[in-house]
Amino acid sequence: MKRKLDPNKIYAFIGRAVVYSTIYVGTVVGCIWAFCQNTIY
């Protein structure tokens, strides 16, 4: 018995993955930017 994947669950999973990766990248970039600001000034 092969179950078909629910497209709604797939879209929800992709949406969560995009949101989490965006937050992660934003945090890393923000830390690097703050570090550069502190180093320059």
Protein backbone atom coordinates (compact mmCIF):
# COMPACT_ATOMS: atom_id res chain seq x y z
CA MET A 1 0.00 0.00 0.00
CA LYS A 2 1.69 3.17 -1.21
CA ARG A 3 0.36 6.36 0.25
CA LYS A 4 0.41 9.46 -1.88
CA LEU A 5 2.00 12.46 -0.25
CA ASP A 6 -0.36 15.26 0.63
CA PRO A 7 0.61 18.37 -1.39
CA ASN A 8 -0.52 20.62 1.45
CA LYS A 9 1.92 18.96 3.83
CA ILE A 10 4.71 19.28 1.27
CA TYR A 11 3.99 22.98 0.78
CA ALA A 12 3.80 23.54 4.54
CA PHE A 13 7.15 21.78 4.98
CA ILE A 14 8.78 23.82 2.20
CA GLY A 15 7.34 27.03 3.64
CA ARG A 16 8.71 26.23 7.10
CA ALA A 17 12.10 25.34 5.64
CA VAL A 18 12.24 28.62 3.71
CA VAL A 19 11.25 30.65 6.77
CA TYR A 20 13.80 28.93 9.04
CA SER A 21 16.62 29.21 6.49
CA THR A 22 15.78 32.89 5.93
CA ILE A 23 15.90 33.58 9.69
CA TYR A 24 19.18 31.65 9.98
CA VAL A 25 20.83 33.49 7.09
CA GLY A 26 19.55 36.83 8.40
CA THR A 27 21.00 36.11 11.84
CA VAL A 28 24.39 35.15 10.42
CA VAL A 29 24.52 38.20 8.13
CA GLY A 30 23.40 40.44 11.00
CA CYS A 31 26.16 39.09 13.27
CA ILE A 32 28.80 39.59 10.56
CA TRP A 33 27.51 43.10 9.85
CA ALA A 34 27.52 44.03 13.56
CA PHE A 35 31.04 42.60 13.92
CA CYS A 36 32.25 44.68 10.95
CA GLN A 37 30.59 47.80 12.35
CA ASN A 38 32.32 47.31 15.70
CA THR A 39 35.66 46.64 14.01
CA ILE A 40 35.52 49.68 11.71
CA TYR A 41 34.44 52.18 14.35
